[in-house]
C-alpha atoms as a PDB file:
ATOM      1  CA  MET A   1      45.375  96.061  80.046  1.00  0.00           C
ATOM      2  CA  GLU A   2      48.163  98.184  81.487  1.00  0.00           C
ATOM      3  CA  PRO A   3      51.261  98.748  79.301  1.00  0.00           C
ATOM      4  CA  ARG A   4      54.291  96.682  80.271  1.00  0.00           C
ATOM      5  CA  LEU A   5      57.300  98.578  81.576  1.00  0.00           C
ATOM      6  CA  PRO A   6      60.588  98.230  79.680  1.00  0.00           C
ATOM      7  CA  VAL A   7      62.964  95.625  81.081  1.00  0.00           C
ATOM      8  CA  SER A   8      65.548  98.356  81.831  1.00  0.00           C
ATOM      9  CA  VAL A   9      63.055 100.254  83.987  1.00  0.00           C
ATOM     10  CA  LEU A  10      62.070  97.092  85.855  1.00  0.00           C
ATOM     11  CA  ALA A  11      65.752  96.240  86.420  1.00  0.00           C
ATOM     12  CA  ILE A  12      66.468  99.704  87.846  1.00  0.00           C
ATOM     13  CA  GLU A  13      63.483  99.507  90.170  1.00  0.00           C
ATOM     14  CA  ARG A  14      64.579  96.059  91.320  1.00  0.00           C
ATOM     15  CA  LEU A  15      68.100  97.356  91.935  1.00  0.00           C
ATOM     16  CA  LYS A  16      66.807 100.315  93.930  1.00  0.00           C
ATOM     17  CA  ASP A  17      64.768  97.927  96.064  1.00  0.00           C
ATOM     18  CA  LEU A  18      67.704  95.531  96.518  1.00  0.00           C
ATOM     19  CA  LEU A  19      70.068  98.297  97.606  1.00  0.00           C
ATOM     20  CA  ARG A  20      67.383 100.062  99.670  1.00  0.00           C
ATOM     21  CA  LEU A  21      67.881 103.254  97.693  1.00  0.00           C
ATOM     22  CA  GLU A  22      65.513 106.199  97.618  1.00  0.00           C
ATOM     23  CA  LEU A  23      66.642 108.140  94.573  1.00  0.00           C
ATOM     24  CA  ASP A  24      65.362 110.570  92.022  1.00  0.00           C
ATOM     25  CA  LEU A  25      66.707 109.223  88.734  1.00  0.00           C
ATOM     26  CA  ASP A  26      66.055 112.538  87.018  1.00  0.00           C
ATOM     27  CA  ASN A  27      68.878 113.889  89.187  1.00  0.00           C
ATOM     28  CA  ASP A  28      72.440 113.408  87.886  1.00  0.00           C
ATOM     29  CA  HIS A  29      73.878 112.930  91.374  1.00  0.00           C
ATOM     30  CA  ASP A  30      71.325 110.265  92.289  1.00  0.00           C
ATOM     31  CA  ARG A  31      71.931 108.407  89.029  1.00  0.00           C
ATOM     32  CA  LEU A  32      75.627 108.318  89.845  1.00  0.00           C
ATOM     33  CA  ARG A  33      74.881 107.021  93.342  1.00  0.00           C
ATOM     34  CA  LEU A  34      72.852 104.207  91.792  1.00  0.00           C
ATOM     35  CA  LEU A  35      75.714 103.312  89.448  1.00  0.00           C
ATOM     36  CA  ILE A  36      78.335 103.365  92.202  1.00  0.00           C
ATOM     37  CA  SER A  37      76.158 101.393  94.591  1.00  0.00           C
ATOM     38  CA  ALA A  38      75.399  98.762  91.956  1.00  0.00           C
ATOM     39  CA  ALA A  39      79.086  98.349  91.078  1.00  0.00           C
ATOM     40  CA  ASN A  40      80.088  98.127  94.731  1.00  0.00           C
ATOM     41  CA  TRP A  41      77.328  95.644  95.471  1.00  0.00           C
ATOM     42  CA  GLY A  42      78.577  93.459  92.615  1.00  0.00           C
ATOM     43  CA  VAL A  43      82.156  93.516  93.880  1.00  0.00           C
ATOM     44  CA  ALA A  44      80.953  92.830  97.398  1.00  0.00           C
ATOM     45  CA  ARG A  45      79.410  89.583  96.159  1.00  0.00           C
ATOM     46  CA  LEU A  46      82.890  88.403  95.137  1.00  0.00           C
ATOM     47  CA  LEU A  47      84.647  89.253  98.399  1.00  0.00           C
ATOM     48  CA  LYS A  48      83.843  88.483 101.992  1.00  0.00           C
ATOM     49  CA  ARG A  49      82.015  91.428 103.536  1.00  0.00           C
ATOM     50  CA  GLU A  50      80.635  91.404 107.061  1.00  0.00           C
ATOM     51  CA  VAL A  51      77.869  93.909 107.732  1.00  0.00           C
ATOM     52  CA  ARG A  52      77.728  95.206 111.298  1.00  0.00           C
ATOM     53  CA  HIS A  53      74.794  96.861 113.050  1.00  0.00           C
ATOM     54  CA  ARG A  54      74.297  98.896 116.193  1.00  0.00           C
ATOM     55  CA  GLY A  55      70.881 100.457 116.535  1.00  0.00           C
ATOM     56  CA  ASP A  56      70.291 102.428 113.358  1.00  0.00           C
ATOM     57  CA  LEU A  57      73.981 102.372 112.412  1.00  0.00           C
ATOM     58  CA  GLU A  58      75.359 100.103 109.724  1.00  0.00           C
ATOM     59  CA  TRP A  59      78.913  99.613 108.538  1.00  0.00           C
ATOM     60  CA  ALA A  60      80.983  96.775 107.145  1.00  0.00           C
ATOM     61  CA  LEU A  61      84.295  94.933 107.355  1.00  0.00           C
ATOM     62  CA  TRP A  62      85.748  93.769 104.071  1.00  0.00           C
ATOM     63  CA  ARG A  63      87.926  90.682 104.476  1.00  0.00           C
ATOM     64  CA  ILE A  64      90.283  90.452 101.532  1.00  0.00           C
ATOM     65  CA  PRO A  65      92.215  87.158 101.257  1.00  0.00           C
ATOM     66  CA  VAL A  66      95.911  87.419 100.419  1.00  0.00           C
ATOM     67  CA  PRO A  67      97.041  85.166  97.543  1.00  0.00           C
ATOM     68  CA  ARG A  68      99.656  82.592  98.569  1.00  0.00           C
ATOM     69  CA  ALA A  69     101.456  79.746  96.880  1.00  0.00           C
ATOM     70  CA  PRO A  70      99.567  76.411  97.057  1.00  0.00           C
ATOM     71  CA  GLY A  71     100.201  74.561 100.287  1.00  0.00           C
ATOM     72  CA  THR A  72     101.690  77.519 102.142  1.00  0.00           C
ATOM     73  CA  LEU A  73     100.303  78.973 105.364  1.00  0.00           C
ATOM     74  CA  PRO A  74     100.123  82.616 106.453  1.00  0.00           C
ATOM     75  CA  THR A  75     103.186  83.682 108.401  1.00  0.00           C
ATOM     76  CA  ARG A  76     101.843  87.023 109.578  1.00  0.00           C
ATOM     77  CA  GLY A  77      98.599  88.361 111.021  1.00  0.00           C
ATOM     78  CA  ARG A  78      96.209  90.952 109.632  1.00  0.00           C
ATOM     79  CA  MET A  79      96.476  94.379 108.149  1.00  0.00           C
ATOM     80  CA  LEU A  80      93.593  96.790 108.876  1.00  0.00           C
ATOM     81  CA  TRP A  81      92.957  99.668 106.475  1.00  0.00           C
ATOM     82  CA  ILE A  82      90.674 102.635 107.237  1.00  0.00           C
ATOM     83  CA  PRO A  83      89.717 104.790 104.217  1.00  0.00           C
ATOM     84  CA  GLY A  84      89.004 108.490 104.453  1.00  0.00           C
ATOM     85  CA  TRP A  85      85.654 110.187 104.870  1.00  0.00           C
ATOM     86  CA  GLY A  86      83.669 109.916 101.655  1.00  0.00           C
ATOM     87  CA  ASP A  87      86.238 107.502 100.241  1.00  0.00           C
ATOM     88  CA  SER A  88      85.750 103.738 100.327  1.00  0.00           C
ATOM     89  CA  PRO A  89      87.582 100.425 100.243  1.00  0.00           C
ATOM     90  CA  MET A  90      86.557 100.265  96.581  1.00  0.00           C
ATOM     91  CA  SER A  91      89.220 102.785  95.580  1.00  0.00           C
ATOM     92  CA  TRP A  92      91.796 100.930  97.686  1.00  0.00           C
ATOM     93  CA  LEU A  93      91.221  97.300  96.659  1.00  0.00           C
ATOM     94  CA  GLY A  94      93.734  97.362  93.814  1.00  0.00           C
ATOM     95  CA  ILE A  95      96.322  99.160  95.965  1.00  0.00           C
ATOM     96  CA  LEU A  96      95.972  96.725  98.864  1.00  0.00           C
ATOM     97  CA  ALA A  97      95.973  93.655  96.621  1.00  0.00           C
ATOM     98  CA  GLY A  98      99.088  94.801  94.785  1.00  0.00           C
ATOM     99  CA  ALA A  99     100.965  95.809  97.920  1.00  0.00           C
ATOM    100  CA  PHE A 100     100.268  92.628  99.907  1.00  0.00           C
ATOM    101  CA  ASP A 101     100.235  89.920  97.247  1.00  0.00           C
ATOM    102  CA  GLY A 102     102.438  87.113  98.527  1.00  0.00           C
ATOM    103  CA  SER A 103     103.246  89.050 101.689  1.00  0.00           C
ATOM    104  CA  GLY A 104     102.515  86.243 104.129  1.00  0.00           C
ATOM    105  CA  PHE A 105      99.656  88.154 105.782  1.00  0.00           C
ATOM    106  CA  GLU A 106      96.568  86.147 106.684  1.00  0.00           C
ATOM    107  CA  GLU A 107      94.183  88.765 105.308  1.00  0.00           C
ATOM    108  CA  ILE A 108      93.636  92.448 104.693  1.00  0.00           C
ATOM    109  CA  VAL A 109      90.592  93.954 106.408  1.00  0.00           C
ATOM    110  CA  ALA A 110      89.084  97.303 105.413  1.00  0.00           C
ATOM    111  CA  LEU A 111      86.432  99.341 107.194  1.00  0.00           C
ATOM    112  CA  ASP A 112      83.546 100.595 105.082  1.00  0.00           C
ATOM    113  CA  PHE A 113      81.522 103.462 106.542  1.00  0.00           C
ATOM    114  CA  PRO A 114      78.280 104.788 105.056  1.00  0.00           C
ATOM    115  CA  GLY A 115      78.632 107.845 102.898  1.00  0.00           C
ATOM    116  CA  PHE A 116      79.235 109.061  99.378  1.00  0.00           C
ATOM    117  CA  HIS A 117      81.228 106.144  98.024  1.00  0.00           C
ATOM    118  CA  GLY A 118      81.432 102.452  98.843  1.00  0.00           C
ATOM    119  CA  SER A 119      79.148  99.484  99.313  1.00  0.00           C
ATOM    120  CA  HIS A 120      77.201 101.567 101.850  1.00  0.00           C
ATOM    121  CA  ALA A 121      76.775 104.615  99.619  1.00  0.00           C
ATOM    122  CA  HIS A 122      73.015 104.259  99.917  1.00  0.00           C
ATOM    123  CA  ARG A 123      73.095 104.669 103.702  1.00  0.00           C
ATOM    124  CA  ARG A 124      73.218 107.819 105.817  1.00  0.00           C
ATOM    125  CA  CYS A 125      76.578 108.916 107.202  1.00  0.00           C
ATOM    126  CA  ILE A 126      77.388 108.002 110.765  1.00  0.00           C
ATOM    127  CA  GLY A 127      76.837 111.550 111.966  1.00  0.00           C
ATOM    128  CA  ASP A 128      78.821 111.370 115.199  1.00  0.00           C
ATOM    129  CA  MET A 129      82.608 111.428 115.576  1.00  0.00           C
ATOM    130  CA  ASP A 130      82.468 109.588 118.908  1.00  0.00           C
ATOM    131  CA  ARG A 131      80.714 106.640 117.324  1.00  0.00           C
ATOM    132  CA  VAL A 132      83.096 106.507 114.366  1.00  0.00           C
ATOM    133  CA  LEU A 133      86.081 106.486 116.739  1.00  0.00           C
ATOM    134  CA  GLU A 134      84.418 103.776 118.801  1.00  0.00           C
ATOM    135  CA  ILE A 135      83.935 101.561 115.741  1.00  0.00           C
ATOM    136  CA  ALA A 136      87.596 101.980 114.729  1.00  0.00           C
ATOM    137  CA  CYS A 137      88.768 101.086 118.252  1.00  0.00           C
ATOM    138  CA  GLU A 138      86.537  98.021 118.290  1.00  0.00           C
ATOM    139  CA  ALA A 139      87.971  96.858 114.960  1.00  0.00           C
ATOM    140  CA  VAL A 140      91.537  97.087 116.288  1.00  0.00           C
ATOM    141  CA  GLY A 141      90.544  95.359 119.526  1.00  0.00           C
ATOM    142  CA  GLU A 142      88.748  92.547 117.711  1.00  0.00           C
ATOM    143  CA  LEU A 143      91.223  91.920 114.882  1.00  0.00           C
ATOM    144  CA  HIS A 144      94.542  92.544 116.699  1.00  0.00           C
ATOM    145  CA  PRO A 145      96.181  93.619 113.431  1.00  0.00           C
ATOM    146  CA  GLU A 146      99.928  93.613 112.972  1.00  0.00           C
ATOM    147  CA  VAL A 147      99.638  96.754 110.849  1.00  0.00           C
ATOM    148  CA  VAL A 148      97.031  99.534 110.845  1.00  0.00           C
ATOM    149  CA  GLY A 149      96.810 102.149 108.122  1.00  0.00           C
ATOM    150  CA  GLY A 150      94.546 105.002 107.173  1.00  0.00           C
ATOM    151  CA  HIS A 151      94.047 107.857 104.735  1.00  0.00           C
ATOM    152  CA  SER A 152      92.781 111.335 105.671  1.00  0.00           C
ATOM    153  CA  LEU A 153      90.053 110.843 108.307  1.00  0.00           C
ATOM    154  CA  GLY A 154      91.050 107.171 108.272  1.00  0.00           C
ATOM    155  CA  GLY A 155      94.518 108.196 109.423  1.00  0.00           C
ATOM    156  CA  TRP A 156      92.929 110.063 112.332  1.00  0.00           C
ATOM    157  CA  LEU A 157      90.837 107.019 113.267  1.00  0.00           C
ATOM    158  CA  ALA A 158      93.803 104.669 112.878  1.00  0.00           C
ATOM    159  CA  SER A 159      96.002 106.817 115.143  1.00  0.00           C
ATOM    160  CA  TRP A 160      93.285 107.181 117.782  1.00  0.00           C
ATOM    161  CA  SER A 161      92.604 103.439 117.858  1.00  0.00           C
ATOM    162  CA  VAL A 162      96.315 102.575 118.115  1.00  0.00           C
ATOM    163  CA  LEU A 163      96.774 105.045 120.976  1.00  0.00           C
ATOM    164  CA  LYS A 164      93.802 103.581 122.826  1.00  0.00           C
ATOM    165  CA  ALA A 165      95.083 100.006 122.321  1.00  0.00           C
ATOM    166  CA  GLY A 166      97.929 100.604 124.785  1.00  0.00           C
ATOM    167  CA  GLN A 167     100.456  97.768 125.035  1.00  0.00           C
ATOM    168  CA  ARG A 168      98.407  95.710 122.562  1.00  0.00           C
ATOM    169  CA  ALA A 169      98.880  98.305 119.845  1.00  0.00           C
ATOM    170  CA  PRO A 170     100.058  97.030 116.445  1.00  0.00           C
ATOM    171  CA  GLY A 171     103.716  97.430 115.641  1.00  0.00           C
ATOM    172  CA  ARG A 172     103.377  99.582 112.549  1.00  0.00           C
ATOM    173  CA  VAL A 173     101.084 102.403 111.462  1.00  0.00           C
ATOM    174  CA  LEU A 174     100.812 103.788 107.919  1.00  0.00           C
ATOM    175  CA  LEU A 175      99.315 107.266 107.626  1.00  0.00           C
ATOM    176  CA  ILE A 176      98.571 108.989 104.328  1.00  0.00           C
ATOM    177  CA  SER A 177      97.624 112.688 104.558  1.00  0.00           C
ATOM    178  CA  PRO A 178      96.093 112.113 108.003  1.00  0.00           C
ATOM    179  CA  SER A 179      93.808 114.620 109.658  1.00  0.00           C
ATOM    180  CA  GLY A 180      93.520 114.953 113.429  1.00  0.00           C
ATOM    181  CA  ILE A 181      96.426 117.314 114.136  1.00  0.00           C
ATOM    182  CA  THR A 182      96.592 120.991 113.197  1.00  0.00           C
ATOM    183  CA  GLY A 183      99.135 122.391 115.628  1.00  0.00           C
ATOM    184  CA  GLY A 184      96.812 124.206 117.993  1.00  0.00           C
ATOM    185  CA  VAL A 185      93.421 125.823 118.422  1.00  0.00           C
ATOM    186  CA  GLN A 186      94.160 128.954 116.373  1.00  0.00           C
ATOM    187  CA  GLU A 187      95.475 127.007 113.399  1.00  0.00           C
ATOM    188  CA  ARG A 188      92.558 124.607 113.730  1.00  0.00           C
ATOM    189  CA  GLU A 189      90.014 127.404 113.494  1.00  0.00           C
ATOM    190  CA  LEU A 190      91.721 128.783 110.391  1.00  0.00           C
ATOM    191  CA  TRP A 191      91.692 125.331 108.780  1.00  0.00           C
ATOM    192  CA  HIS A 192      88.030 124.811 109.688  1.00  0.00           C
ATOM    193  CA  ASP A 193      87.096 128.110 108.055  1.00  0.00           C
ATOM    194  CA  GLU A 194      89.105 127.277 104.956  1.00  0.00           C
ATOM    195  CA  PHE A 195      87.643 123.765 104.823  1.00  0.00           C
ATOM    196  CA  ARG A 196      84.086 125.063 105.034  1.00  0.00           C
ATOM    197  CA  GLU A 197      84.738 127.700 102.396  1.00  0.00           C
ATOM    198  CA  TRP A 198      85.999 125.410  99.663  1.00  0.00           C
ATOM    199  CA  THR A 199      83.530 122.597 100.393  1.00  0.00           C
ATOM    200  CA  GLU A 200      80.730 125.059  99.718  1.00  0.00           C
ATOM    201  CA  SER A 201      82.306 126.272  96.466  1.00  0.00           C
ATOM    202  CA  SER A 202      82.229 124.792  92.952  1.00  0.00           C
ATOM    203  CA  PRO A 203      83.227 121.202  92.076  1.00  0.00           C
ATOM    204  CA  GLU A 204      86.139 122.614  90.090  1.00  0.00           C
ATOM    205  CA  GLU A 205      87.498 124.250  93.248  1.00  0.00           C
ATOM    206  CA  TYR A 206      87.196 120.921  95.033  1.00  0.00           C
ATOM    207  CA  ILE A 207      89.142 119.117  92.300  1.00  0.00           C
ATOM    208  CA  SER A 208      91.897 121.742  92.406  1.00  0.00           C
ATOM    209  CA  ARG A 209      92.209 121.192  96.162  1.00  0.00           C
ATOM    210  CA  VAL A 210      92.216 117.408  96.005  1.00  0.00           C
ATOM    211  CA  PHE A 211      94.622 116.697  93.170  1.00  0.00           C
ATOM    212  CA  GLY A 212      98.098 117.803  92.187  1.00  0.00           C
ATOM    213  CA  SER A 213      99.098 119.354  88.893  1.00  0.00           C
ATOM    214  CA  ARG A 214      97.834 116.415  86.825  1.00  0.00           C
ATOM    215  CA  PRO A 215      94.374 115.259  87.900  1.00  0.00           C
ATOM    216  CA  PRO A 216      93.729 111.598  87.028  1.00  0.00           C
ATOM    217  CA  VAL A 217      91.099 110.554  84.509  1.00  0.00           C
ATOM    218  CA  ILE A 218      88.768 109.794  87.413  1.00  0.00           C
ATOM    219  CA  ALA A 219      88.642 113.479  88.401  1.00  0.00           C
ATOM    220  CA  PRO A 220      85.217 114.120  86.772  1.00  0.00           C
ATOM    221  CA  LEU A 221      83.742 111.382  88.973  1.00  0.00           C
ATOM    222  CA  VAL A 222      85.298 112.913  92.094  1.00  0.00           C
ATOM    223  CA  ARG A 223      83.592 116.252  91.423  1.00  0.00           C
ATOM    224  CA  ARG A 224      80.400 114.503  92.496  1.00  0.00           C
ATOM    225  CA  PHE A 225      81.789 114.521  96.010  1.00  0.00           C
ATOM    226  CA  ALA A 226      80.941 118.212  96.364  1.00  0.00           C
ATOM    227  CA  PRO A 227      77.176 117.637  96.813  1.00  0.00           C
ATOM    228  CA  PHE A 228      77.972 114.932  99.382  1.00  0.00           C
ATOM    229  CA  MET A 229      79.709 117.513 101.542  1.00  0.00           C
ATOM    230  CA  GLN A 230      76.566 119.636 101.606  1.00  0.00           C
ATOM    231  CA  ARG A 231      74.167 116.887 102.637  1.00  0.00           C
ATOM    232  CA  GLN A 232      72.499 117.181 106.034  1.00  0.00           C
ATOM    233  CA  ASP A 233      74.012 113.949 107.367  1.00  0.00           C
ATOM    234  CA  SER A 234      77.477 115.059 106.218  1.00  0.00           C
ATOM    235  CA  GLN A 235      77.068 118.374 107.994  1.00  0.00           C
ATOM    236  CA  GLU A 236      75.931 116.575 111.147  1.00  0.00           C
ATOM    237  CA  PHE A 237      79.172 114.630 111.146  1.00  0.00           C
ATOM    238  CA  LEU A 238      81.333 117.723 110.588  1.00  0.00           C
ATOM    239  CA  ASN A 239      79.528 119.552 113.392  1.00  0.00           C
ATOM    240  CA  SER A 240      80.092 116.627 115.782  1.00  0.00           C
ATOM    241  CA  VAL A 241      83.897 116.958 115.672  1.00  0.00           C
ATOM    242  CA  GLN A 242      85.158 118.762 118.771  1.00  0.00           C
ATOM    243  CA  ASP A 243      88.518 119.852 120.154  1.00  0.00           C
ATOM    244  CA  ARG A 244      88.638 116.823 122.475  1.00  0.00           C
ATOM    245  CA  HIS A 245      88.790 114.526 119.445  1.00  0.00           C
ATOM    246  CA  TYR A 246      92.071 115.952 118.182  1.00  0.00           C
ATOM    247  CA  LEU A 247      95.298 114.035 118.695  1.00  0.00           C
ATOM    248  CA  GLU A 248      97.749 116.696 119.942  1.00  0.00           C
ATOM    249  CA  PRO A 249      97.521 115.752 123.650  1.00  0.00           C
ATOM    250  CA  LEU A 250      97.536 112.007 122.899  1.00  0.00           C
ATOM    251  CA  LEU A 251     100.214 111.517 120.268  1.00  0.00           C
ATOM    252  CA  PRO A 252     103.239 111.751 122.628  1.00  0.00           C
ATOM    253  CA  GLN A 253     101.732 108.734 124.446  1.00  0.00           C
ATOM    254  CA  MET A 254     102.350 106.440 121.458  1.00  0.00           C
ATOM    255  CA  LYS A 255     104.041 103.250 122.688  1.00  0.00           C
ATOM    256  CA  PRO A 256     107.760 102.933 121.837  1.00  0.00           C
ATOM    257  CA  HIS A 257     107.264  99.692 119.866  1.00  0.00           C
ATOM    258  CA  VAL A 258     104.933 101.393 117.358  1.00  0.00           C
ATOM    259  CA  HIS A 259     106.642 102.531 114.140  1.00  0.00           C
ATOM    260  CA  VAL A 260     104.789 105.331 112.341  1.00  0.00           C
ATOM    261  CA  GLU A 261     105.193 105.952 108.596  1.00  0.00           C
ATOM    262  CA  LEU A 262     103.836 109.253 107.305  1.00  0.00           C
ATOM    263  CA  LEU A 263     103.220 110.061 103.626  1.00  0.00           C
ATOM    264  CA  TRP A 264     102.087 113.466 102.347  1.00  0.00           C
ATOM    265  CA  GLY A 265     101.725 115.108  98.959  1.00  0.00           C
ATOM    266  CA  THR A 266     102.995 118.666  98.614  1.00  0.00           C
ATOM    267  CA  GLU A 267      99.898 119.703  96.622  1.00  0.00           C
ATOM    268  CA  ASP A 268      97.363 118.482  99.192  1.00  0.00           C
ATOM    269  CA  GLY A 269      94.804 121.263  99.565  1.00  0.00           C
ATOM    270  CA  VAL A 270      92.455 119.280 101.814  1.00  0.00           C
ATOM    271  CA  VAL A 271      94.751 118.385 104.714  1.00  0.00           C
ATOM    272  CA  PRO A 272      97.786 120.611 104.020  1.00  0.00           C
ATOM    273  CA  GLU A 273     101.294 119.184 104.136  1.00  0.00           C
ATOM    274  CA  ARG A 274     102.314 121.832 106.678  1.00  0.00           C
ATOM    275  CA  PHE A 275     100.529 119.762 109.342  1.00  0.00           C
ATOM    276  CA  ALA A 276     103.212 117.079 108.934  1.00  0.00           C
ATOM    277  CA  THR A 277     105.597 119.249 110.968  1.00  0.00           C
ATOM    278  CA  HIS A 278     103.318 118.881 114.001  1.00  0.00           C
ATOM    279  CA  TRP A 279     103.195 115.078 113.669  1.00  0.00           C
ATOM    280  CA  ILE A 280     106.988 114.970 113.580  1.00  0.00           C
ATOM    281  CA  ARG A 281     107.318 117.422 116.497  1.00  0.00           C
ATOM    282  CA  LEU A 282     104.941 115.423 118.683  1.00  0.00           C
ATOM    283  CA  LEU A 283     106.245 112.030 117.570  1.00  0.00           C
ATOM    284  CA  PRO A 284     109.931 112.448 116.623  1.00  0.00           C
ATOM    285  CA  SER A 285     110.338 108.784 115.684  1.00  0.00           C
ATOM    286  CA  THR A 286     107.924 109.262 112.753  1.00  0.00           C
ATOM    287  CA  ARG A 287     109.458 108.521 109.353  1.00  0.00           C
ATOM    288  CA  PHE A 288     108.205 111.108 106.899  1.00  0.00           C
ATOM    289  CA  THR A 289     107.958 110.732 103.125  1.00  0.00           C
ATOM    290  CA  ARG A 290     107.105 113.741 100.977  1.00  0.00           C
ATOM    291  CA  TRP A 291     105.895 113.447  97.371  1.00  0.00           C
ATOM    292  CA  GLU A 292     106.268 116.480  95.158  1.00  0.00           C
ATOM    293  CA  GLY A 293     103.354 117.380  92.910  1.00  0.00           C
ATOM    294  CA  VAL A 294     100.913 114.909  94.506  1.00  0.00           C
ATOM    295  CA  GLY A 295      97.649 115.965  96.120  1.00  0.00           C
ATOM    296  CA  HIS A 296      95.323 114.461  98.696  1.00  0.00           C
ATOM    297  CA  MET A 297      94.619 111.164  96.930  1.00  0.00           C
ATOM    298  CA  PRO A 298      97.861 109.411  95.959  1.00  0.00           C
ATOM    299  CA  HIS A 299      95.944 106.141  95.514  1.00  0.00           C
ATOM    300  CA  LEU A 300      94.221 107.752  92.522  1.00  0.00           C
ATOM    301  CA  GLU A 301      97.084 109.944  91.312  1.00  0.00           C
ATOM    302  CA  SER A 302     100.098 107.617  91.743  1.00  0.00           C
ATOM    303  CA  PRO A 303      98.738 104.115  92.431  1.00  0.00           C
ATOM    304  CA  LEU A 304     101.803 102.113  91.312  1.00  0.00           C
ATOM    305  CA  ARG A 305     104.136 104.342  93.278  1.00  0.00           C
ATOM    306  CA  LEU A 306     101.926 103.958  96.336  1.00  0.00           C
ATOM    307  CA  ILE A 307     101.888 100.165  95.978  1.00  0.00           C
ATOM    308  CA  ARG A 308     105.699 100.142  95.931  1.00  0.00           C
ATOM    309  CA  TRP A 309     105.861 102.443  98.976  1.00  0.00           C
ATOM    310  CA  MET A 310     103.517 100.274 101.035  1.00  0.00           C
ATOM    311  CA  ARG A 311     105.183  97.055  99.956  1.00  0.00           C
ATOM    312  CA  GLU A 312     108.684  98.285 100.765  1.00  0.00           C
ATOM    313  CA  ILE A 313     107.628  99.327 104.257  1.00  0.00           C
ATOM    314  CA  VAL A 314     105.328  96.525 105.319  1.00  0.00           C
ATOM    315  CA  VAL A 315     106.361  93.499 103.280  1.00  0.00           C
ATOM    316  CA  GLN A 316     110.084  94.065 102.813  1.00  0.00           C
ATOM    317  CA  GLY A 317     110.450  95.781 106.189  1.00  0.00           C
ATOM    318  CA  SER A 318     112.554  98.672 104.946  1.00  0.00           C
END
């Protein structure tokens, strides 16, 4: 008679099968991926998540209901949020819920791409910038959001999709440390070299680039992002980004009715604050907010402050 496996081992194997994970649980990084995927899967069971497919690609739309007083109806449309590369809606749920509680919006929708973190952490990255941009444009075209926002790469995707929407573009765009503009080819090459250099360095170097002077308690978890950057599928995505994807030639075409809000931390070592000057030069109507001592992830470093900023702009209309 064969010995029975411990219940914990059976549960882990069942979870790996459920999430379609192929992991080596002797590896610290893979154990963390299992933990993150399990937590995200559990949360996903509580919220409405629509999984989308195209060929071998898979991504999701999270539909987050906005709490309202009993008997009241939504008075506004949707807000679409696009997280950054390697980030996920999971780290934004509390921010979005706090900012839009009682706002009158029908719902908040967030894109969830495969990668390091999120309910699709067990899937390969979408290794092609063209396809990622296409998915973002389709989301804006399908949802017709009143507001579109994005962080880091998500800010790039949000801007691109709003520009391509033409006269049907949403009226307000929120951008937090957005990539997509560097100020020219020479500056872009310097940034690419710098980006490659620190992503191939130690996790401690990554943390120093991401956060301001006071890293949040979650910083040790974020150091696990470093191996994600070195994965083959991650490198395929980075290599797919070309000059034609950048926003410099497109940004002056932003429709006059679109109001752009730009937020940057002075200690951002991933997408440096100096790039904000090029956004403002190309789109003079941009309203720029600068936070001293904050790095690339204000939703982790200053979540309550970020909730107030988003609420003042979108809900109170200031």
